[in-house]
Amino acid sequence: MNETPPAIEPLLADLCGGEITDEDYVGYFRNEHGEDLVFAQRRGERTARLWHSDADWEVRRVDDHSIRLDGPVDGMITVSDLIIDRSEATWLSSCLAASRHLRRGRV
């Protein structure tokens, strides 16, 4: 049985409503509340795209400096204008680190 599993990119694009291709580095995360997050980095683009189901799948552009610990409440973690928890920040940080070479345009 040599069935090829379905590509994940179209599934994630359908989930978040974003444009994601097999050329993108992608990441998916489901938090403890059942909310979904999708990350996509396209080669040569200076920022990646982040979608969060709890934010109506509105795309946010993120980069290595997007995760902030200076929200209105001590210890609050934000990315763009979105409040995220520690596990989401850890996942996003990993996605950004793994795709950094694509933002620099290197192979």
PDB file of N, CA and C in Angstrom:
ATOM      1  N   MET A   1       0.846  -1.178   0.000  1.00  0.00           N
ATOM      2  CA  MET A   1       0.000   0.000   0.000  1.00  0.00           C
ATOM      3  C   MET A   1       0.887   1.235   0.000  1.00  0.00           C
ATOM      4  N   ASN A   2       0.908   1.960  -1.105  1.00  0.00           N
ATOM      5  CA  ASN A   2       1.759   3.136  -1.253  1.00  0.00           C
ATOM      6  C   ASN A   2       0.941   4.407  -1.379  1.00  0.00           C
ATOM      7  N   GLU A   3      -0.083   4.532  -0.599  1.00  0.00           N
ATOM      8  CA  GLU A   3      -0.903   5.734  -0.647  1.00  0.00           C
ATOM      9  C   GLU A   3      -0.137   6.907  -0.068  1.00  0.00           C
ATOM     10  N   THR A   4      -0.156   7.998  -0.800  1.00  0.00           N
ATOM     11  CA  THR A   4       0.478   9.222  -0.324  1.00  0.00           C
ATOM     12  C   THR A   4      -0.517   9.939   0.582  1.00  0.00           C
ATOM     13  N   PRO A   5      -0.076  10.311   1.786  1.00  0.00           N
ATOM     14  CA  PRO A   5      -1.007  11.031   2.661  1.00  0.00           C
ATOM     15  C   PRO A   5      -1.358  12.383   2.049  1.00  0.00           C
ATOM     16  N   PRO A   6      -2.526  12.899   2.369  1.00  0.00           N
ATOM     17  CA  PRO A   6      -2.900  14.207   1.814  1.00  0.00           C
ATOM     18  C   PRO A   6      -1.936  15.289   2.304  1.00  0.00           C
ATOM     19  N   ALA A   7      -1.670  16.239   1.437  1.00  0.00           N
ATOM     20  CA  ALA A   7      -0.803  17.358   1.814  1.00  0.00           C
ATOM     21  C   ALA A   7      -1.501  18.178   2.890  1.00  0.00           C
ATOM     22  N   ILE A   8      -0.722  18.655   3.836  1.00  0.00           N
ATOM     23  CA  ILE A   8      -1.304  19.407   4.945  1.00  0.00           C
ATOM     24  C   ILE A   8      -1.635  20.850   4.567  1.00  0.00           C
ATOM     25  N   GLU A   9      -0.923  21.400   3.599  1.00  0.00           N
ATOM     26  CA  GLU A   9      -1.117  22.804   3.250  1.00  0.00           C
ATOM     27  C   GLU A   9      -2.554  23.125   2.827  1.00  0.00           C
ATOM     28  N   PRO A  10      -3.169  22.329   1.928  1.00  0.00           N
ATOM     29  CA  PRO A  10      -4.571  22.641   1.569  1.00  0.00           C
ATOM     30  C   PRO A  10      -5.532  22.495   2.751  1.00  0.00           C
ATOM     31  N   LEU A  11      -5.260  21.544   3.619  1.00  0.00           N
ATOM     32  CA  LEU A  11      -6.119  21.366   4.794  1.00  0.00           C
ATOM     33  C   LEU A  11      -6.042  22.584   5.712  1.00  0.00           C
ATOM     34  N   LEU A  12      -4.828  23.086   5.935  1.00  0.00           N
ATOM     35  CA  LEU A  12      -4.672  24.269   6.790  1.00  0.00           C
ATOM     36  C   LEU A  12      -5.235  25.519   6.119  1.00  0.00           C
ATOM     37  N   ALA A  13      -5.069  25.630   4.800  1.00  0.00           N
ATOM     38  CA  ALA A  13      -5.648  26.767   4.075  1.00  0.00           C
ATOM     39  C   ALA A  13      -7.167  26.758   4.208  1.00  0.00           C
ATOM     40  N   ASP A  14      -7.776  25.576   4.093  1.00  0.00           N
ATOM     41  CA  ASP A  14      -9.230  25.465   4.267  1.00  0.00           C
ATOM     42  C   ASP A  14      -9.647  25.833   5.686  1.00  0.00           C
ATOM     43  N   LEU A  15      -8.852  25.410   6.658  1.00  0.00           N
ATOM     44  CA  LEU A  15      -9.170  25.669   8.062  1.00  0.00           C
ATOM     45  C   LEU A  15      -9.187  27.163   8.362  1.00  0.00           C
ATOM     46  N   CYS A  16      -8.130  27.884   7.947  1.00  0.00           N
ATOM     47  CA  CYS A  16      -8.002  29.295   8.337  1.00  0.00           C
ATOM     48  C   CYS A  16      -8.479  30.267   7.266  1.00  0.00           C
ATOM     49  N   GLY A  17      -8.705  29.766   6.052  1.00  0.00           N
ATOM     50  CA  GLY A  17      -9.156  30.640   4.985  1.00  0.00           C
ATOM     51  C   GLY A  17      -8.038  31.446   4.354  1.00  0.00           C
ATOM     52  N   GLY A  18      -6.798  31.083   4.623  1.00  0.00           N
ATOM     53  CA  GLY A  18      -5.655  31.813   4.081  1.00  0.00           C
ATOM     54  C   GLY A  18      -5.070  31.123   2.868  1.00  0.00           C
ATOM     55  N   GLU A  19      -4.188  31.837   2.196  1.00  0.00           N
ATOM     56  CA  GLU A  19      -3.487  31.267   1.050  1.00  0.00           C
ATOM     57  C   GLU A  19      -2.220  30.587   1.552  1.00  0.00           C
ATOM     58  N   ILE A  20      -2.199  29.278   1.473  1.00  0.00           N
ATOM     59  CA  ILE A  20      -1.054  28.491   1.905  1.00  0.00           C
ATOM     60  C   ILE A  20      -0.750  27.490   0.798  1.00  0.00           C
ATOM     61  N   THR A  21       0.507  27.417   0.393  1.00  0.00           N
ATOM     62  CA  THR A  21       0.904  26.488  -0.661  1.00  0.00           C
ATOM     63  C   THR A  21       1.935  25.506  -0.130  1.00  0.00           C
ATOM     64  N   ASP A  22       2.274  24.530  -0.962  1.00  0.00           N
ATOM     65  CA  ASP A  22       3.288  23.559  -0.558  1.00  0.00           C
ATOM     66  C   ASP A  22       4.689  24.157  -0.551  1.00  0.00           C
ATOM     67  N   GLU A  23       4.823  25.417  -0.946  1.00  0.00           N
ATOM     68  CA  GLU A  23       6.103  26.125  -0.887  1.00  0.00           C
ATOM     69  C   GLU A  23       6.317  26.803   0.469  1.00  0.00           C
ATOM     70  N   ASP A  24       5.269  26.879   1.277  1.00  0.00           N
ATOM     71  CA  ASP A  24       5.340  27.548   2.580  1.00  0.00           C
ATOM     72  C   ASP A  24       5.816  26.587   3.667  1.00  0.00           C
ATOM     73  N   TYR A  25       6.538  27.135   4.651  1.00  0.00           N
ATOM     74  CA  TYR A  25       6.763  26.413   5.902  1.00  0.00           C
ATOM     75  C   TYR A  25       5.488  26.619   6.705  1.00  0.00           C
ATOM     76  N   VAL A  26       4.882  25.535   7.201  1.00  0.00           N
ATOM     77  CA  VAL A  26       3.628  25.668   7.932  1.00  0.00           C
ATOM     78  C   VAL A  26       3.720  25.018   9.303  1.00  0.00           C
ATOM     79  N   GLY A  27       2.943  25.544  10.208  1.00  0.00           N
ATOM     80  CA  GLY A  27       2.818  24.981  11.541  1.00  0.00           C
ATOM     81  C   GLY A  27       1.367  25.046  11.981  1.00  0.00           C
ATOM     82  N   TYR A  28       0.979  24.093  12.796  1.00  0.00           N
ATOM     83  CA  TYR A  28      -0.394  24.036  13.308  1.00  0.00           C
ATOM     84  C   TYR A  28      -0.334  23.754  14.803  1.00  0.00           C
ATOM     85  N   PHE A  29      -1.234  24.391  15.554  1.00  0.00           N
ATOM     86  CA  PHE A  29      -1.274  24.205  17.000  1.00  0.00           C
ATOM     87  C   PHE A  29      -2.732  24.284  17.467  1.00  0.00           C
ATOM     88  N   ARG A  30      -3.098  23.404  18.384  1.00  0.00           N
ATOM     89  CA  ARG A  30      -4.413  23.489  19.042  1.00  0.00           C
ATOM     90  C   ARG A  30      -4.141  23.656  20.524  1.00  0.00           C
ATOM     91  N   ASN A  31      -4.661  24.737  21.109  1.00  0.00           N
ATOM     92  CA  ASN A  31      -4.405  25.001  22.518  1.00  0.00           C
ATOM     93  C   ASN A  31      -5.370  24.208  23.406  1.00  0.00           C
ATOM     94  N   GLU A  32      -5.209  24.354  24.697  1.00  0.00           N
ATOM     95  CA  GLU A  32      -6.000  23.583  25.660  1.00  0.00           C
ATOM     96  C   GLU A  32      -7.490  23.923  25.635  1.00  0.00           C
ATOM     97  N   HIS A  33      -7.839  25.026  24.991  1.00  0.00           N
ATOM     98  CA  HIS A  33      -9.242  25.436  24.890  1.00  0.00           C
ATOM     99  C   HIS A  33      -9.868  25.004  23.566  1.00  0.00           C
ATOM    100  N   GLY A  34      -9.110  24.261  22.762  1.00  0.00           N
ATOM    101  CA  GLY A  34      -9.599  23.802  21.466  1.00  0.00           C
ATOM    102  C   GLY A  34      -9.516  24.847  20.371  1.00  0.00           C
ATOM    103  N   GLU A  35      -8.791  25.932  20.621  1.00  0.00           N
ATOM    104  CA  GLU A  35      -8.609  26.968  19.606  1.00  0.00           C
ATOM    105  C   GLU A  35      -7.435  26.574  18.711  1.00  0.00           C
ATOM    106  N   ASP A  36      -7.580  26.840  17.411  1.00  0.00           N
ATOM    107  CA  ASP A  36      -6.565  26.469  16.436  1.00  0.00           C
ATOM    108  C   ASP A  36      -5.742  27.673  16.027  1.00  0.00           C
ATOM    109  N   LEU A  37      -4.440  27.426  15.807  1.00  0.00           N
ATOM    110  CA  LEU A  37      -3.533  28.437  15.289  1.00  0.00           C
ATOM    111  C   LEU A  37      -2.819  27.851  14.084  1.00  0.00           C
ATOM    112  N   VAL A  38      -2.632  28.677  13.055  1.00  0.00           N
ATOM    113  CA  VAL A  38      -1.932  28.266  11.846  1.00  0.00           C
ATOM    114  C   VAL A  38      -0.854  29.295  11.556  1.00  0.00           C
ATOM    115  N   PHE A  39       0.329  28.801  11.193  1.00  0.00           N
ATOM    116  CA  PHE A  39       1.489  29.630  10.875  1.00  0.00           C
ATOM    117  C   PHE A  39       1.934  29.282   9.463  1.00  0.00           C
ATOM    118  N   ALA A  40       2.275  30.288   8.656  1.00  0.00           N
ATOM    119  CA  ALA A  40       2.815  30.041   7.319  1.00  0.00           C
ATOM    120  C   ALA A  40       3.881  31.080   7.000  1.00  0.00           C
ATOM    121  N   GLN A  41       5.041  30.590   6.554  1.00  0.00           N
ATOM    122  CA  GLN A  41       6.137  31.466   6.140  1.00  0.00           C
ATOM    123  C   GLN A  41       6.485  31.158   4.698  1.00  0.00           C
ATOM    124  N   ARG A  42       6.428  32.149   3.860  1.00  0.00           N
ATOM    125  CA  ARG A  42       6.793  32.002   2.451  1.00  0.00           C
ATOM    126  C   ARG A  42       8.239  32.463   2.264  1.00  0.00           C
ATOM    127  N   ARG A  43       8.986  31.701   1.483  1.00  0.00           N
ATOM    128  CA  ARG A  43      10.389  32.034   1.193  1.00  0.00           C
ATOM    129  C   ARG A  43      10.500  33.452   0.630  1.00  0.00           C
ATOM    130  N   GLY A  44      11.427  34.212   1.197  1.00  0.00           N
ATOM    131  CA  GLY A  44      11.710  35.550   0.714  1.00  0.00           C
ATOM    132  C   GLY A  44      10.847  36.650   1.313  1.00  0.00           C
ATOM    133  N   GLU A  45       9.746  36.299   1.984  1.00  0.00           N
ATOM    134  CA  GLU A  45       8.924  37.325   2.628  1.00  0.00           C
ATOM    135  C   GLU A  45       9.511  37.663   3.985  1.00  0.00           C
ATOM    136  N   ARG A  46       9.475  38.935   4.333  1.00  0.00           N
ATOM    137  CA  ARG A  46      10.089  39.401   5.589  1.00  0.00           C
ATOM    138  C   ARG A  46       9.277  39.028   6.816  1.00  0.00           C
ATOM    139  N   THR A  47       8.007  38.724   6.626  1.00  0.00           N
ATOM    140  CA  THR A  47       7.148  38.342   7.746  1.00  0.00           C
ATOM    141  C   THR A  47       6.403  37.060   7.412  1.00  0.00           C
ATOM    142  N   ALA A  48       5.996  36.371   8.463  1.00  0.00           N
ATOM    143  CA  ALA A  48       5.158  35.181   8.318  1.00  0.00           C
ATOM    144  C   ALA A  48       3.716  35.585   8.568  1.00  0.00           C
ATOM    145  N   ARG A  49       2.796  34.664   8.318  1.00  0.00           N
ATOM    146  CA  ARG A  49       1.386  34.899   8.554  1.00  0.00           C
ATOM    147  C   ARG A  49       0.925  33.998   9.684  1.00  0.00           C
ATOM    148  N   LEU A  50       0.111  34.553  10.564  1.00  0.00           N
ATOM    149  CA  LEU A  50      -0.434  33.826  11.705  1.00  0.00           C
ATOM    150  C   LEU A  50      -1.941  34.020  11.728  1.00  0.00           C
ATOM    151  N   TRP A  51      -2.653  32.895  11.858  1.00  0.00           N
ATOM    152  CA  TRP A  51      -4.106  32.919  12.012  1.00  0.00           C
ATOM    153  C   TRP A  51      -4.461  32.248  13.329  1.00  0.00           C
ATOM    154  N   HIS A  52      -5.475  32.774  14.023  1.00  0.00           N
ATOM    155  CA  HIS A  52      -5.930  32.216  15.303  1.00  0.00           C
ATOM    156  C   HIS A  52      -7.457  32.125  15.242  1.00  0.00           C
ATOM    157  N   SER A  53      -7.994  30.942  15.515  1.00  0.00           N
ATOM    158  CA  SER A  53      -9.446  30.766  15.420  1.00  0.00           C
ATOM    159  C   SER A  53     -10.195  31.659  16.395  1.00  0.00           C
ATOM    160  N   ASP A  54      -9.590  31.986  17.539  1.00  0.00           N
ATOM    161  CA  ASP A  54     -10.262  32.830  18.526  1.00  0.00           C
ATOM    162  C   ASP A  54     -10.253  34.302  18.118  1.00  0.00           C
ATOM    163  N   ALA A  55      -9.543  34.612  17.034  1.00  0.00           N
ATOM    164  CA  ALA A  55      -9.502  35.976  16.507  1.00  0.00           C
ATOM    165  C   ALA A  55     -10.144  36.016  15.123  1.00  0.00           C
ATOM    166  N   ASP A  56     -11.160  35.171  14.938  1.00  0.00           N
ATOM    167  CA  ASP A  56     -11.928  35.128  13.684  1.00  0.00           C
ATOM    168  C   ASP A  56     -11.057  34.882  12.453  1.00  0.00           C
ATOM    169  N   TRP A  57      -9.958  34.165  12.637  1.00  0.00           N
ATOM    170  CA  TRP A  57      -9.056  33.800  11.537  1.00  0.00           C
ATOM    171  C   TRP A  57      -8.483  35.010  10.817  1.00  0.00           C
ATOM    172  N   GLU A  58      -8.460  36.164  11.472  1.00  0.00           N
ATOM    173  CA  GLU A  58      -7.877  37.360  10.867  1.00  0.00           C
ATOM    174  C   GLU A  58      -6.356  37.173  10.815  1.00  0.00           C
ATOM    175  N   VAL A  59      -5.786  37.358   9.649  1.00  0.00           N
ATOM    176  CA  VAL A  59      -4.346  37.144   9.487  1.00  0.00           C
ATOM    177  C   VAL A  59      -3.561  38.259  10.181  1.00  0.00           C
ATOM    178  N   ARG A  60      -2.474  37.856  10.807  1.00  0.00           N
ATOM    179  CA  ARG A  60      -1.539  38.804  11.416  1.00  0.00           C
ATOM    180  C   ARG A  60      -0.159  38.513  10.863  1.00  0.00           C
ATOM    181  N   ARG A  61       0.586  39.556  10.565  1.00  0.00           N
ATOM    182  CA  ARG A  61       1.951  39.407  10.080  1.00  0.00           C
ATOM    183  C   ARG A  61       2.866  39.383  11.296  1.00  0.00           C
ATOM    184  N   VAL A  62       3.769  38.401  11.336  1.00  0.00           N
ATOM    185  CA  VAL A  62       4.663  38.235  12.484  1.00  0.00           C
ATOM    186  C   VAL A  62       6.090  38.022  12.007  1.00  0.00           C
ATOM    187  N   ASP A  63       7.023  38.386  12.892  1.00  0.00           N
ATOM    188  CA  ASP A  63       8.439  38.139  12.629  1.00  0.00           C
ATOM    189  C   ASP A  63       9.138  37.837  13.944  1.00  0.00           C
ATOM    190  N   ASP A  64      10.448  37.801  13.924  1.00  0.00           N
ATOM    191  CA  ASP A  64      11.215  37.410  15.101  1.00  0.00           C
ATOM    192  C   ASP A  64      11.032  38.338  16.300  1.00  0.00           C
ATOM    193  N   HIS A  65      10.497  39.520  16.078  1.00  0.00           N
ATOM    194  CA  HIS A  65      10.343  40.494  17.167  1.00  0.00           C
ATOM    195  C   HIS A  65       8.880  40.734  17.541  1.00  0.00           C
ATOM    196  N   SER A  66       7.991  39.885  17.074  1.00  0.00           N
ATOM    197  CA  SER A  66       6.558  40.111  17.288  1.00  0.00           C
ATOM    198  C   SER A  66       6.053  39.682  18.660  1.00  0.00           C
ATOM    199  N   ILE A  67       6.667  38.692  19.264  1.00  0.00           N
ATOM    200  CA  ILE A  67       6.197  38.213  20.563  1.00  0.00           C
ATOM    201  C   ILE A  67       6.665  39.187  21.627  1.00  0.00           C
ATOM    202  N   ARG A  68       5.712  39.735  22.368  1.00  0.00           N
ATOM    203  CA  ARG A  68       6.024  40.779  23.350  1.00  0.00           C
ATOM    204  C   ARG A  68       5.557  40.354  24.737  1.00  0.00           C
ATOM    205  N   LEU A  69       6.299  40.773  25.737  1.00  0.00           N
ATOM    206  CA  LEU A  69       5.936  40.493  27.122  1.00  0.00           C
ATOM    207  C   LEU A  69       5.519  41.762  27.851  1.00  0.00           C
ATOM    208  N   ASP A  70       5.150  42.787  27.109  1.00  0.00           N
ATOM    209  CA  ASP A  70       4.850  44.084  27.724  1.00  0.00           C
ATOM    210  C   ASP A  70       3.396  44.496  27.517  1.00  0.00           C
ATOM    211  N   GLY A  71       2.501  43.548  27.692  1.00  0.00           N
ATOM    212  CA  GLY A  71       1.077  43.855  27.560  1.00  0.00           C
ATOM    213  C   GLY A  71       0.600  44.752  28.684  1.00  0.00           C
ATOM    214  N   PRO A  72      -0.669  45.139  28.654  1.00  0.00           N
ATOM    215  CA  PRO A  72      -1.216  46.047  29.665  1.00  0.00           C
ATOM    216  C   PRO A  72      -1.221  45.463  31.077  1.00  0.00           C
ATOM    217  N   VAL A  73      -1.114  44.146  31.188  1.00  0.00           N
ATOM    218  CA  VAL A  73      -1.066  43.489  32.491  1.00  0.00           C
ATOM    219  C   VAL A  73       0.289  42.792  32.613  1.00  0.00           C
ATOM    220  N   ASP A  74       0.921  42.870  33.791  1.00  0.00           N
ATOM    221  CA  ASP A  74       2.212  42.214  33.978  1.00  0.00           C
ATOM    222  C   ASP A  74       2.140  40.748  33.585  1.00  0.00           C
ATOM    223  N   GLY A  75       3.118  40.312  32.806  1.00  0.00           N
ATOM    224  CA  GLY A  75       3.184  38.925  32.396  1.00  0.00           C
ATOM    225  C   GLY A  75       2.338  38.580  31.184  1.00  0.00           C
ATOM    226  N   MET A  76       1.596  39.560  30.651  1.00  0.00           N
ATOM    227  CA  MET A  76       0.763  39.308  29.479  1.00  0.00           C
ATOM    228  C   MET A  76       1.647  39.181  28.252  1.00  0.00           C
ATOM    229  N   ILE A  77       1.396  38.157  27.447  1.00  0.00           N
ATOM    230  CA  ILE A  77       2.146  37.933  26.216  1.00  0.00           C
ATOM    231  C   ILE A  77       1.257  38.326  25.050  1.00  0.00           C
ATOM    232  N   THR A  78       1.800  39.125  24.134  1.00  0.00           N
ATOM    233  CA  THR A  78       1.043  39.528  22.958  1.00  0.00           C
ATOM    234  C   THR A  78       1.859  39.270  21.697  1.00  0.00           C
ATOM    235  N   VAL A  79       1.152  39.123  20.620  1.00  0.00           N
ATOM    236  CA  VAL A  79       1.744  39.082  19.288  1.00  0.00           C
ATOM    237  C   VAL A  79       0.811  39.900  18.407  1.00  0.00           C
ATOM    238  N   SER A  80       1.371  40.921  17.783  1.00  0.00           N
ATOM    239  CA  SER A  80       0.561  41.891  17.077  1.00  0.00           C
ATOM    240  C   SER A  80      -0.393  42.474  18.120  1.00  0.00           C
ATOM    241  N   ASP A  81      -1.689  42.462  17.908  1.00  0.00           N
ATOM    242  CA  ASP A  81      -2.635  42.972  18.904  1.00  0.00           C
ATOM    243  C   ASP A  81      -3.381  41.829  19.592  1.00  0.00           C
ATOM    244  N   LEU A  82      -2.835  40.634  19.521  1.00  0.00           N
ATOM    245  CA  LEU A  82      -3.487  39.437  20.022  1.00  0.00           C
ATOM    246  C   LEU A  82      -2.830  38.969  21.324  1.00  0.00           C
ATOM    247  N   ILE A  83      -3.643  38.693  22.339  1.00  0.00           N
ATOM    248  CA  ILE A  83      -3.133  38.139  23.594  1.00  0.00           C
ATOM    249  C   ILE A  83      -3.015  36.630  23.414  1.00  0.00           C
ATOM    250  N   ILE A  84      -1.833  36.100  23.715  1.00  0.00           N
ATOM    251  CA  ILE A  84      -1.618  34.658  23.605  1.00  0.00           C
ATOM    252  C   ILE A  84      -1.074  34.131  24.924  1.00  0.00           C
ATOM    253  N   ASP A  85      -1.201  32.825  25.127  1.00  0.00           N
ATOM    254  CA  ASP A  85      -0.669  32.245  26.362  1.00  0.00           C
ATOM    255  C   ASP A  85       0.735  31.693  26.132  1.00  0.00           C
ATOM    256  N   ARG A  86       1.336  31.217  27.194  1.00  0.00           N
ATOM    257  CA  ARG A  86       2.728  30.771  27.138  1.00  0.00           C
ATOM    258  C   ARG A  86       2.931  29.620  26.147  1.00  0.00           C
ATOM    259  N   SER A  87       2.006  28.663  26.114  1.00  0.00           N
ATOM    260  CA  SER A  87       2.176  27.533  25.192  1.00  0.00           C
ATOM    261  C   SER A  87       2.070  27.995  23.735  1.00  0.00           C
ATOM    262  N   GLU A  88       1.172  28.932  23.453  1.00  0.00           N
ATOM    263  CA  GLU A  88       1.069  29.473  22.098  1.00  0.00           C
ATOM    264  C   GLU A  88       2.328  30.245  21.727  1.00  0.00           C
ATOM    265  N   ALA A  89       2.857  31.018  22.673  1.00  0.00           N
ATOM    266  CA  ALA A  89       4.081  31.778  22.418  1.00  0.00           C
ATOM    267  C   ALA A  89       5.266  30.851  22.171  1.00  0.00           C
ATOM    268  N   THR A  90       5.336  29.757  22.916  1.00  0.00           N
ATOM    269  CA  THR A  90       6.416  28.787  22.727  1.00  0.00           C
ATOM    270  C   THR A  90       6.322  28.161  21.341  1.00  0.00           C
ATOM    271  N   TRP A  91       5.120  27.743  20.944  1.00  0.00           N
ATOM    272  CA  TRP A  91       4.915  27.168  19.616  1.00  0.00           C
ATOM    273  C   TRP A  91       5.271  28.175  18.533  1.00  0.00           C
ATOM    274  N   LEU A  92       4.780  29.417  18.652  1.00  0.00           N
ATOM    275  CA  LEU A  92       5.044  30.441  17.651  1.00  0.00           C
ATOM    276  C   LEU A  92       6.537  30.743  17.561  1.00  0.00           C
ATOM    277  N   SER A  93       7.193  30.819  18.697  1.00  0.00           N
ATOM    278  CA  SER A  93       8.637  31.053  18.711  1.00  0.00           C
ATOM    279  C   SER A  93       9.380  29.944  17.968  1.00  0.00           C
ATOM    280  N   SER A  94       8.948  28.706  18.162  1.00  0.00           N
ATOM    281  CA  SER A  94       9.557  27.571  17.455  1.00  0.00           C
ATOM    282  C   SER A  94       9.327  27.673  15.950  1.00  0.00           C
ATOM    283  N   CYS A  95       8.117  28.038  15.537  1.00  0.00           N
ATOM    284  CA  CYS A  95       7.832  28.208  14.114  1.00  0.00           C
ATOM    285  C   CYS A  95       8.704  29.307  13.503  1.00  0.00           C
ATOM    286  N   LEU A  96       8.822  30.416  14.215  1.00  0.00           N
ATOM    287  CA  LEU A  96       9.640  31.521  13.719  1.00  0.00           C
ATOM    288  C   LEU A  96      11.109  31.115  13.607  1.00  0.00           C
ATOM    289  N   ALA A  97      11.608  30.387  14.601  1.00  0.00           N
ATOM    290  CA  ALA A  97      12.998  29.940  14.561  1.00  0.00           C
ATOM    291  C   ALA A  97      13.234  28.958  13.416  1.00  0.00           C
ATOM    292  N   ALA A  98      12.304  28.026  13.224  1.00  0.00           N
ATOM    293  CA  ALA A  98      12.460  27.008  12.190  1.00  0.00           C
ATOM    294  C   ALA A  98      12.374  27.585  10.777  1.00  0.00           C
ATOM    295  N   SER A  99      11.700  28.707  10.620  1.00  0.00           N
ATOM    296  CA  SER A  99      11.519  29.290   9.288  1.00  0.00           C
ATOM    297  C   SER A  99      12.364  30.543   9.059  1.00  0.00           C
ATOM    298  N   ARG A 100      13.222  30.872   9.990  1.00  0.00           N
ATOM    299  CA  ARG A 100      14.035  32.092   9.889  1.00  0.00           C
ATOM    300  C   ARG A 100      14.832  32.144   8.585  1.00  0.00           C
ATOM    301  N   HIS A 101      15.392  31.028   8.169  1.00  0.00           N
ATOM    302  CA  HIS A 101      16.205  31.012   6.954  1.00  0.00           C
ATOM    303  C   HIS A 101      15.382  31.396   5.712  1.00  0.00           C
ATOM    304  N   LEU A 102      14.090  31.183   5.737  1.00  0.00           N
ATOM    305  CA  LEU A 102      13.237  31.563   4.614  1.00  0.00           C
ATOM    306  C   LEU A 102      13.026  33.073   4.551  1.00  0.00           C
ATOM    307  N   ARG A 103      12.990  33.724   5.723  1.00  0.00           N
ATOM    308  CA  ARG A 103      12.854  35.188   5.734  1.00  0.00           C
ATOM    309  C   ARG A 103      14.134  35.846   5.258  1.00  0.00           C
ATOM    310  N   ARG A 104      15.235  35.188   5.428  1.00  0.00           N
ATOM    311  CA  ARG A 104      16.515  35.726   4.962  1.00  0.00           C
ATOM    312  C   ARG A 104      16.764  35.383   3.501  1.00  0.00           C
ATOM    313  N   GLY A 105      15.893  34.566   2.933  1.00  0.00           N
ATOM    314  CA  GLY A 105      16.028  34.227   1.515  1.00  0.00           C
ATOM    315  C   GLY A 105      17.049  33.135   1.239  1.00  0.00           C
ATOM    316  N   ARG A 106      17.523  32.448   2.286  1.00  0.00           N
ATOM    317  CA  ARG A 106      18.499  31.375   2.098  1.00  0.00           C
ATOM    318  C   ARG A 106      17.799  30.029   1.999  1.00  0.00           C
ATOM    319  N   VAL A 107      18.507  29.086   1.488  1.00  0.00           N
ATOM    320  CA  VAL A 107      17.972  27.716   1.406  1.00  0.00           C
ATOM    321  C   VAL A 107      18.272  26.991   2.688  1.00  0.00           C
TER     322      VAL A 107
END
